[in-house]
Amino acid sequence: MQNQTKLNRKSSAFILGALTLSMAFVGAVHAADKPMGPPWDAPSSASSKKNPVSADKASLRKGKKLYKAACLPCHGATGKGNGAAAVALPIHPGNLTDSKRMSGQSDGAIFWKMSEGRGPMPPFKASFSDTDRWNILNYIRTLAK
């Protein structure tokens, strides 16, 4: 009986793992089929805001940790917008690896977007301090290729 219980636990763990991988794969495949949504422009007052946090190793380490906790489910591990939760969203999460797209946005504009949110993206100003959001921004900048 004890061996049967161990076998059932192993089988359950295997099935759960397989389902998780399947959902992530489906998310990656179908996320590309979703629209990007209308253009999202920050107000000029936000766009001109300068990043007060240096993109040093400590900032990038903290930003990566916070990104994994809050952004990875939708934007994915590498920032392509293919996270497992992207499947359930009505629009495709932004591709943070697109260097043309990312270089066309100021730090202030991206900070404002993270802070205010839009549509399925929640506003993070109540969840993270200003410094934490600047750290996330510094990390996000490393994803663009």
N, C-alpha and C. Protein backbone atom coordinates (compact mmCIF):
# COMPACT_ATOMS: atom_id res chain seq x y z
N MET A 1 0.82 -1.19 0.00
CA MET A 1 0.00 0.00 0.00
C MET A 1 0.86 1.26 0.00
N GLN A 2 1.96 1.21 0.77
CA GLN A 2 2.85 2.36 0.85
C GLN A 2 3.51 2.62 -0.51
N ASN A 3 3.89 1.55 -1.23
CA ASN A 3 4.48 1.70 -2.55
C ASN A 3 3.48 2.30 -3.53
N GLN A 4 2.20 1.92 -3.40
CA GLN A 4 1.16 2.45 -4.27
C GLN A 4 0.99 3.95 -4.04
N THR A 5 1.05 4.38 -2.76
CA THR A 5 0.92 5.81 -2.43
C THR A 5 2.07 6.59 -3.03
N LYS A 6 3.30 6.06 -2.92
CA LYS A 6 4.47 6.73 -3.51
C LYS A 6 4.33 6.83 -5.02
N LEU A 7 3.84 5.75 -5.64
CA LEU A 7 3.65 5.75 -7.09
C LEU A 7 2.60 6.79 -7.49
N ASN A 8 1.50 6.88 -6.75
CA ASN A 8 0.47 7.88 -7.04
C ASN A 8 1.01 9.29 -6.91
N ARG A 9 1.84 9.54 -5.89
CA ARG A 9 2.43 10.87 -5.71
C ARG A 9 3.36 11.21 -6.88
N LYS A 10 4.17 10.22 -7.28
CA LYS A 10 5.09 10.45 -8.40
C LYS A 10 4.30 10.70 -9.69
N SER A 11 3.26 9.92 -9.90
CA SER A 11 2.43 10.10 -11.09
C SER A 11 1.75 11.46 -11.08
N SER A 12 1.25 11.86 -9.93
CA SER A 12 0.59 13.17 -9.82
C SER A 12 1.58 14.29 -10.10
N ALA A 13 2.78 14.17 -9.55
CA ALA A 13 3.80 15.20 -9.77
C ALA A 13 4.18 15.26 -11.25
N PHE A 14 4.31 14.11 -11.88
CA PHE A 14 4.65 14.06 -13.30
C PHE A 14 3.54 14.70 -14.14
N ILE A 15 2.31 14.35 -13.86
CA ILE A 15 1.17 14.90 -14.61
C ILE A 15 1.08 16.41 -14.42
N LEU A 16 1.25 16.88 -13.19
CA LEU A 16 1.21 18.31 -12.93
C LEU A 16 2.33 19.03 -13.69
N GLY A 17 3.52 18.47 -13.67
CA GLY A 17 4.63 19.06 -14.42
C GLY A 17 4.36 19.09 -15.91
N ALA A 18 3.82 18.00 -16.45
CA ALA A 18 3.52 17.94 -17.88
C ALA A 18 2.45 18.96 -18.26
N LEU A 19 1.44 19.12 -17.42
CA LEU A 19 0.40 20.11 -17.69
C LEU A 19 0.95 21.52 -17.67
N THR A 20 1.82 21.80 -16.71
CA THR A 20 2.43 23.13 -16.62
C THR A 20 3.23 23.43 -17.87
N LEU A 21 4.05 22.47 -18.31
CA LEU A 21 4.84 22.66 -19.53
C LEU A 21 3.95 22.83 -20.75
N SER A 22 2.88 22.06 -20.81
CA SER A 22 1.95 22.17 -21.94
C SER A 22 1.31 23.54 -21.99
N MET A 23 0.90 24.05 -20.83
CA MET A 23 0.28 25.37 -20.79
C MET A 23 1.27 26.45 -21.23
N ALA A 24 2.52 26.32 -20.79
CA ALA A 24 3.54 27.29 -21.18
C ALA A 24 3.77 27.23 -22.69
N PHE A 25 3.80 26.02 -23.27
CA PHE A 25 4.00 25.87 -24.71
C PHE A 25 2.82 26.46 -25.47
N VAL A 26 1.61 26.14 -25.05
CA VAL A 26 0.42 26.68 -25.70
C VAL A 26 0.44 28.20 -25.61
N GLY A 27 0.83 28.72 -24.46
CA GLY A 27 0.91 30.17 -24.29
C GLY A 27 1.89 30.79 -25.25
N ALA A 28 3.03 30.17 -25.43
CA ALA A 28 4.04 30.71 -26.34
C ALA A 28 3.55 30.66 -27.78
N VAL A 29 2.85 29.59 -28.15
CA VAL A 29 2.37 29.46 -29.52
C VAL A 29 1.23 30.44 -29.81
N HIS A 30 0.26 30.52 -28.90
CA HIS A 30 -0.91 31.35 -29.16
C HIS A 30 -0.72 32.83 -28.85
N ALA A 31 0.27 33.17 -28.04
CA ALA A 31 0.50 34.58 -27.72
C ALA A 31 0.84 35.37 -28.97
N ALA A 32 1.51 34.74 -29.91
CA ALA A 32 1.89 35.42 -31.14
C ALA A 32 0.67 35.75 -32.01
N ASP A 33 -0.44 35.04 -31.79
CA ASP A 33 -1.65 35.27 -32.58
C ASP A 33 -2.48 36.45 -32.05
N LYS A 34 -2.17 36.96 -30.90
CA LYS A 34 -2.98 38.02 -30.28
C LYS A 34 -2.53 39.39 -30.77
N PRO A 35 -3.48 40.33 -30.80
CA PRO A 35 -3.11 41.68 -31.20
C PRO A 35 -2.26 42.35 -30.14
N MET A 36 -1.47 43.33 -30.55
CA MET A 36 -0.62 44.07 -29.63
C MET A 36 -1.41 45.14 -28.87
N GLY A 37 -2.57 45.49 -29.33
CA GLY A 37 -3.35 46.54 -28.68
C GLY A 37 -3.01 47.89 -29.28
N PRO A 38 -3.80 48.89 -28.95
CA PRO A 38 -3.56 50.23 -29.50
C PRO A 38 -2.26 50.81 -28.95
N PRO A 39 -1.70 51.79 -29.64
CA PRO A 39 -0.47 52.43 -29.14
C PRO A 39 -0.68 52.96 -27.72
N TRP A 40 0.39 52.89 -26.96
CA TRP A 40 0.33 53.31 -25.56
C TRP A 40 1.40 54.35 -25.33
N ASP A 41 1.00 55.59 -25.33
CA ASP A 41 1.95 56.68 -25.17
C ASP A 41 1.82 57.30 -23.77
N ALA A 42 2.96 57.53 -23.16
CA ALA A 42 2.99 58.21 -21.86
C ALA A 42 2.86 59.71 -22.08
N PRO A 43 2.33 60.43 -21.11
CA PRO A 43 2.28 61.89 -21.24
C PRO A 43 3.70 62.46 -21.31
N SER A 44 3.85 63.59 -21.97
CA SER A 44 5.19 64.18 -22.13
C SER A 44 5.83 64.50 -20.79
N SER A 45 5.05 64.85 -19.79
CA SER A 45 5.62 65.13 -18.47
C SER A 45 6.26 63.87 -17.87
N ALA A 46 5.67 62.71 -18.15
CA ALA A 46 6.25 61.45 -17.66
C ALA A 46 7.45 61.05 -18.51
N SER A 47 7.34 61.26 -19.82
CA SER A 47 8.41 60.86 -20.73
C SER A 47 9.72 61.58 -20.46
N SER A 48 9.63 62.80 -19.96
CA SER A 48 10.83 63.59 -19.71
C SER A 48 11.47 63.30 -18.35
N LYS A 49 10.82 62.47 -17.55
CA LYS A 49 11.35 62.15 -16.22
C LYS A 49 12.62 61.31 -16.36
N LYS A 50 13.65 61.66 -15.60
CA LYS A 50 14.93 60.96 -15.65
C LYS A 50 14.99 59.87 -14.59
N ASN A 51 15.69 58.81 -14.91
CA ASN A 51 15.88 57.68 -14.00
C ASN A 51 16.90 58.07 -12.93
N PRO A 52 16.49 58.13 -11.66
CA PRO A 52 17.43 58.51 -10.60
C PRO A 52 18.25 57.34 -10.05
N VAL A 53 17.99 56.12 -10.54
CA VAL A 53 18.66 54.94 -10.00
C VAL A 53 19.69 54.43 -11.01
N SER A 54 20.92 54.37 -10.59
CA SER A 54 22.00 53.88 -11.44
C SER A 54 21.79 52.40 -11.75
N ALA A 55 22.04 52.01 -12.98
CA ALA A 55 21.87 50.62 -13.41
C ALA A 55 23.10 49.80 -13.04
N ASP A 56 23.44 49.79 -11.76
CA ASP A 56 24.60 49.03 -11.31
C ASP A 56 24.18 47.58 -11.00
N LYS A 57 25.14 46.77 -10.57
CA LYS A 57 24.86 45.35 -10.32
C LYS A 57 23.77 45.16 -9.28
N ALA A 58 23.78 45.96 -8.23
CA ALA A 58 22.78 45.82 -7.18
C ALA A 58 21.37 46.13 -7.71
N SER A 59 21.26 47.18 -8.52
CA SER A 59 19.96 47.54 -9.09
C SER A 59 19.47 46.45 -10.03
N LEU A 60 20.36 45.95 -10.88
CA LEU A 60 19.96 44.91 -11.83
C LEU A 60 19.56 43.62 -11.12
N ARG A 61 20.28 43.28 -10.05
CA ARG A 61 19.95 42.07 -9.28
C ARG A 61 18.57 42.22 -8.64
N LYS A 62 18.32 43.37 -8.03
CA LYS A 62 17.01 43.62 -7.40
C LYS A 62 15.91 43.68 -8.46
N GLY A 63 16.18 44.36 -9.57
CA GLY A 63 15.20 44.46 -10.64
C GLY A 63 14.84 43.10 -11.23
N LYS A 64 15.83 42.24 -11.39
CA LYS A 64 15.58 40.90 -11.93
C LYS A 64 14.69 40.10 -10.97
N LYS A 65 14.96 40.20 -9.69
CA LYS A 65 14.16 39.49 -8.69
C LYS A 65 12.70 39.98 -8.72
N LEU A 66 12.52 41.28 -8.79
CA LEU A 66 11.16 41.84 -8.84
C LEU A 66 10.46 41.52 -10.16
N TYR A 67 11.23 41.55 -11.26
CA TYR A 67 10.68 41.18 -12.57
C TYR A 67 10.14 39.76 -12.52
N LYS A 68 10.93 38.85 -11.97
CA LYS A 68 10.49 37.45 -11.89
C LYS A 68 9.20 37.31 -11.10
N ALA A 69 9.06 38.10 -10.06
CA ALA A 69 7.87 38.01 -9.21
C ALA A 69 6.63 38.63 -9.86
N ALA A 70 6.79 39.74 -10.56
CA ALA A 70 5.62 40.48 -11.03
C ALA A 70 5.42 40.48 -12.54
N CYS A 71 6.49 40.42 -13.32
CA CYS A 71 6.39 40.62 -14.76
C CYS A 71 6.48 39.31 -15.56
N LEU A 72 7.26 38.36 -15.06
CA LEU A 72 7.51 37.12 -15.77
C LEU A 72 6.24 36.36 -16.16
N PRO A 73 5.21 36.29 -15.30
CA PRO A 73 4.04 35.52 -15.70
C PRO A 73 3.45 35.94 -17.05
N CYS A 74 3.49 37.21 -17.38
CA CYS A 74 2.93 37.69 -18.65
C CYS A 74 4.02 37.94 -19.70
N HIS A 75 5.09 38.62 -19.30
CA HIS A 75 6.13 38.99 -20.27
C HIS A 75 7.11 37.85 -20.54
N GLY A 76 7.13 36.81 -19.71
CA GLY A 76 7.98 35.66 -19.91
C GLY A 76 9.38 35.84 -19.34
N ALA A 77 10.09 34.73 -19.23
CA ALA A 77 11.42 34.72 -18.62
C ALA A 77 12.41 35.60 -19.36
N THR A 78 12.27 35.68 -20.67
CA THR A 78 13.22 36.47 -21.46
C THR A 78 12.63 37.80 -21.91
N GLY A 79 11.37 38.07 -21.56
CA GLY A 79 10.74 39.35 -21.89
C GLY A 79 10.05 39.43 -23.23
N LYS A 80 9.86 38.30 -23.89
CA LYS A 80 9.27 38.30 -25.23
C LYS A 80 7.74 38.43 -25.23
N GLY A 81 7.13 38.46 -24.06
CA GLY A 81 5.67 38.56 -24.00
C GLY A 81 5.01 37.21 -24.09
N ASN A 82 5.76 36.15 -23.80
CA ASN A 82 5.23 34.80 -23.96
C ASN A 82 5.14 34.04 -22.64
N GLY A 83 4.88 34.74 -21.55
CA GLY A 83 4.71 34.08 -20.26
C GLY A 83 3.48 33.19 -20.26
N ALA A 84 3.43 32.26 -19.32
CA ALA A 84 2.32 31.30 -19.25
C ALA A 84 0.97 32.01 -19.09
N ALA A 85 0.93 33.12 -18.40
CA ALA A 85 -0.34 33.84 -18.20
C ALA A 85 -0.78 34.61 -19.44
N ALA A 86 0.09 34.78 -20.41
CA ALA A 86 -0.24 35.55 -21.62
C ALA A 86 -1.40 34.94 -22.39
N VAL A 87 -1.57 33.64 -22.27
CA VAL A 87 -2.64 32.93 -22.98
C VAL A 87 -4.02 33.47 -22.60
N ALA A 88 -4.18 33.85 -21.36
CA ALA A 88 -5.49 34.29 -20.88
C ALA A 88 -5.75 35.78 -21.11
N LEU A 89 -4.79 36.49 -21.66
CA LEU A 89 -4.94 37.94 -21.83
C LEU A 89 -5.57 38.28 -23.19
N PRO A 90 -6.37 39.34 -23.24
CA PRO A 90 -7.01 39.72 -24.50
C PRO A 90 -6.05 40.34 -25.51
N ILE A 91 -4.93 40.88 -25.04
CA ILE A 91 -3.90 41.42 -25.95
C ILE A 91 -2.56 40.84 -25.57
N HIS A 92 -1.66 40.85 -26.51
CA HIS A 92 -0.33 40.30 -26.32
C HIS A 92 0.50 41.22 -25.43
N PRO A 93 1.13 40.69 -24.37
CA PRO A 93 2.02 41.54 -23.56
C PRO A 93 3.18 42.06 -24.41
N GLY A 94 3.66 43.23 -24.09
CA GLY A 94 4.74 43.83 -24.85
C GLY A 94 5.99 42.98 -24.89
N ASN A 95 6.67 43.01 -26.04
CA ASN A 95 7.94 42.31 -26.22
C ASN A 95 9.05 43.24 -25.74
N LEU A 96 9.60 42.95 -24.60
CA LEU A 96 10.63 43.78 -23.99
C LEU A 96 12.01 43.54 -24.58
N THR A 97 12.11 42.58 -25.50
CA THR A 97 13.40 42.29 -26.15
C THR A 97 13.57 43.03 -27.47
N ASP A 98 12.52 43.68 -27.92
CA ASP A 98 12.55 44.41 -29.20
C ASP A 98 13.32 45.71 -29.01
N SER A 99 14.56 45.74 -29.46
CA SER A 99 15.43 46.90 -29.21
C SER A 99 14.90 48.17 -29.86
N LYS A 100 14.29 48.06 -31.04
CA LYS A 100 13.75 49.24 -31.70
C LYS A 100 12.61 49.83 -30.88
N ARG A 101 11.72 48.98 -30.44
CA ARG A 101 10.57 49.41 -29.63
C ARG A 101 11.03 49.99 -28.30
N MET A 102 11.96 49.32 -27.66
CA MET A 102 12.39 49.74 -26.33
C MET A 102 13.25 51.01 -26.38
N SER A 103 14.10 51.13 -27.40
CA SER A 103 14.94 52.32 -27.48
C SER A 103 14.12 53.56 -27.86
N GLY A 104 12.94 53.34 -28.40
CA GLY A 104 12.06 54.46 -28.75
C GLY A 104 11.26 55.00 -27.58
N GLN A 105 11.46 54.42 -26.40
CA GLN A 105 10.73 54.86 -25.21
C GLN A 105 11.73 55.32 -24.15
N SER A 106 11.47 56.46 -23.57
CA SER A 106 12.34 56.96 -22.51
C SER A 106 12.14 56.15 -21.24
N ASP A 107 13.10 56.26 -20.34
CA ASP A 107 12.95 55.61 -19.03
C ASP A 107 11.70 56.12 -18.33
N GLY A 108 11.47 57.43 -18.41
CA GLY A 108 10.30 58.01 -17.76
C GLY A 108 8.99 57.45 -18.30
N ALA A 109 8.93 57.23 -19.62
CA ALA A 109 7.71 56.68 -20.23
C ALA A 109 7.44 55.26 -19.75
N ILE A 110 8.48 54.44 -19.73
CA ILE A 110 8.30 53.05 -19.28
C ILE A 110 7.96 53.02 -17.80
N PHE A 111 8.62 53.86 -17.00
CA PHE A 111 8.33 53.95 -15.58
C PHE A 111 6.85 54.31 -15.36
N TRP A 112 6.36 55.27 -16.12
CA TRP A 112 4.97 55.69 -16.03
C TRP A 112 4.03 54.54 -16.38
N LYS A 113 4.35 53.79 -17.43
CA LYS A 113 3.51 52.67 -17.84
C LYS A 113 3.46 51.60 -16.76
N MET A 114 4.62 51.29 -16.17
CA MET A 114 4.65 50.32 -15.07
C MET A 114 3.83 50.83 -13.88
N SER A 115 3.93 52.11 -13.62
CA SER A 115 3.25 52.70 -12.47
C SER A 115 1.74 52.74 -12.65
N GLU A 116 1.28 53.15 -13.83
CA GLU A 116 -0.15 53.37 -14.09
C GLU A 116 -0.89 52.14 -14.59
N GLY A 117 -0.21 51.28 -15.36
CA GLY A 117 -0.86 50.12 -15.94
C GLY A 117 -1.87 50.50 -17.01
N ARG A 118 -2.36 49.51 -17.71
CA ARG A 118 -3.41 49.71 -18.72
C ARG A 118 -3.96 48.35 -19.12
N GLY A 119 -5.27 48.26 -19.21
CA GLY A 119 -5.91 47.01 -19.62
C GLY A 119 -5.53 45.88 -18.67
N PRO A 120 -5.03 44.79 -19.23
CA PRO A 120 -4.71 43.66 -18.35
C PRO A 120 -3.44 43.89 -17.50
N MET A 121 -2.62 44.88 -17.85
CA MET A 121 -1.43 45.14 -17.04
C MET A 121 -1.83 46.00 -15.84
N PRO A 122 -1.57 45.46 -14.64
CA PRO A 122 -1.97 46.22 -13.44
C PRO A 122 -1.04 47.40 -13.18
N PRO A 123 -1.52 48.40 -12.46
CA PRO A 123 -0.65 49.49 -12.04
C PRO A 123 0.23 49.00 -10.88
N PHE A 124 1.52 49.20 -10.99
CA PHE A 124 2.43 48.71 -9.96
C PHE A 124 2.85 49.78 -8.96
N LYS A 125 2.30 50.98 -9.06
CA LYS A 125 2.70 52.03 -8.13
C LYS A 125 2.29 51.73 -6.70
N ALA A 126 1.25 50.97 -6.49
CA ALA A 126 0.84 50.61 -5.13
C ALA A 126 1.56 49.35 -4.63
N SER A 127 2.12 48.58 -5.55
CA SER A 127 2.78 47.32 -5.19
C SER A 127 4.27 47.48 -4.93
N PHE A 128 4.90 48.40 -5.65
CA PHE A 128 6.35 48.57 -5.55
C PHE A 128 6.69 50.04 -5.33
N SER A 129 7.73 50.28 -4.57
CA SER A 129 8.19 51.64 -4.35
C SER A 129 8.73 52.23 -5.66
N ASP A 130 8.92 53.53 -5.68
CA ASP A 130 9.53 54.17 -6.86
C ASP A 130 10.88 53.52 -7.17
N THR A 131 11.70 53.34 -6.15
CA THR A 131 13.03 52.74 -6.36
C THR A 131 12.92 51.34 -6.94
N ASP A 132 11.99 50.55 -6.44
CA ASP A 132 11.81 49.19 -6.97
C ASP A 132 11.41 49.24 -8.44
N ARG A 133 10.52 50.15 -8.80
CA ARG A 133 10.10 50.24 -10.21
C ARG A 133 11.26 50.70 -11.09
N TRP A 134 12.10 51.60 -10.60
CA TRP A 134 13.28 52.00 -11.38
C TRP A 134 14.24 50.82 -11.51
N ASN A 135 14.37 50.00 -10.47
CA ASN A 135 15.22 48.80 -10.56
C ASN A 135 14.68 47.83 -11.61
N ILE A 136 13.37 47.65 -11.62
CA ILE A 136 12.76 46.78 -12.64
C ILE A 136 13.05 47.35 -14.03
N LEU A 137 12.89 48.64 -14.19
CA LEU A 137 13.18 49.29 -15.46
C LEU A 137 14.63 49.05 -15.88
N ASN A 138 15.56 49.22 -14.96
CA ASN A 138 16.97 48.98 -15.28
C ASN A 138 17.18 47.55 -15.77
N TYR A 139 16.53 46.59 -15.11
CA TYR A 139 16.66 45.21 -15.54
C TYR A 139 16.00 45.00 -16.91
N ILE A 140 14.82 45.55 -17.11
CA ILE A 140 14.11 45.39 -18.38
C ILE A 140 14.98 45.90 -19.54
N ARG A 141 15.72 46.97 -19.31
CA ARG A 141 16.60 47.51 -20.36
C ARG A 141 17.64 46.50 -20.80
N THR A 142 18.01 45.55 -19.95
CA THR A 142 19.01 44.54 -20.33
C THR A 142 18.42 43.47 -21.24
N LEU A 143 17.11 43.38 -21.33
CA LEU A 143 16.45 42.34 -22.13
C LEU A 143 16.40 42.67 -23.61
N ALA A 144 16.43 43.95 -23.95
CA ALA A 144 16.34 44.38 -25.35
C ALA A 144 17.62 43.98 -26.10
N LYS A 145 17.42 43.45 -27.29
CA LYS A 145 18.55 42.96 -28.09
C LYS A 145 18.75 43.82 -29.31
